[in-house]
Amino acid sequence: MKYHLFKVTTTLAVLLGLSLSSNAQFGPALVKVETVELREMAPIRLIPAFSKAKFVTIIKAESSGKVIDIADVGDQVAESEGLGIIADDDYALRTKELQNAIASEQANLDFLASESKRLQSMQLKNLTSQSALDKNDSDLKSSKANLAQAKSRLAQLINSIEKLTPKAPYDAFVTEQFAQPGQYIRQGDDFLKIMSKNNTELVAYLPIQLKAMIKKGSIWQYEDLNGEQFEATVVGFVPAATTNSRQIEVRLTDNSGQLIPGEPIKLWVPTSNSKTVLSVHRDALVLRKDSIFVYIVKDNKSIKTAVTTGIAQGDYIEISGEIQAGDQVVTRGNERMMPGQEVQILPAKD
């Protein structure tokens, strides 16, 4: 009996010695920490939502003619960039005709101006009559008027020609074609459908019970398909509930600029006013079957502290217990940590 007791005691001593030796050999546990902070948080409800282009426009032909070129579906165009060409053979002929008329009238005007100087010089020597001068002056005025009229007609024609090239009213991408090259279309016919590229908004339908939470200018968070979180600003809502589902349509501006129209998201909608709470990163929580606790680091040692959780928002969650703002809690390396264990804090990455 004494032999067995001696054997057990010896075994425990050996194990304890090995444990102390191992702890001394491997040194303190390497951990990452975050600071406990006071945050404005509110209970949230995940509402399915989607993104859409703020502007969707059907571009119509401003003149009749044959389609020479048209932007392809998916093409991205800048504001005022051409979307295609609608040709009219008469325009080319009329343009050439007016350009020739302007050149001819300009030559006639130059000649009459030169002739006016010559006649004025001759008059000083009494080598020409006043009637010749009067006729030259009349012809000069008539030529100037003809030139101005031809230039005006050409400007009007050029303006009409510009209408042959429909232009994008804003930065956009093409979503649908209503015409094909070689097709004859009339003024007012549908030409293309475009969608704004830079003005993406979010649309959500909220239960009418949440109407008090809908305030213009409020910043709400949303989660995309990859689980990443971004912010959106409430810009407006339809102040009436839908007949069947009793929901309110809410519009938000996407502050990230990373969504494409039609992309589904999850909108984080507050269900009550926010309040100031003590919060930690979710990674700080150690979850066990019968308890939830965190490890506070003080004097390079871990202190196991039981906490109670509350509302959550994103990566952070409300806590209460023997903990206060400014405490540092372990967020990495806490799963196998022991109370009172020595720790070494790893530097935070930028």
Foldseek 3Di string as FASTA:
>chain_A
DVVVVVVVVVVVVVVVVVVVVVCVVVDFAEFAKDFWAKDWDFFWDWFKKFKAFPDKDFDFQQFWAFWAFAADAFDWDAFFDFGGFGDDVVLVVVLVVLVVQLVVLVVVLVVLVVVLVVVVVCVVVVNDDVVVNVVSVVVNVVSVVSNVVSVVVNVVSVVVRVSRTDGHNHTWGWHDAPDDGGDIDGRGHGGTMIGHQQWMKMKTWAAPLQVVQQDFQDKWWKAFPVRDIFIWTWHDWDPFADDPRRTIITMITGPPSPDDGGGMIIIIGGRDGIDIATKDFPLQWADDPVFIWWWWADPQFTATWTWDWDHDDRRMTGIDGPDDGGTMTTRPPPHPDDHGTGYDYDDDDD
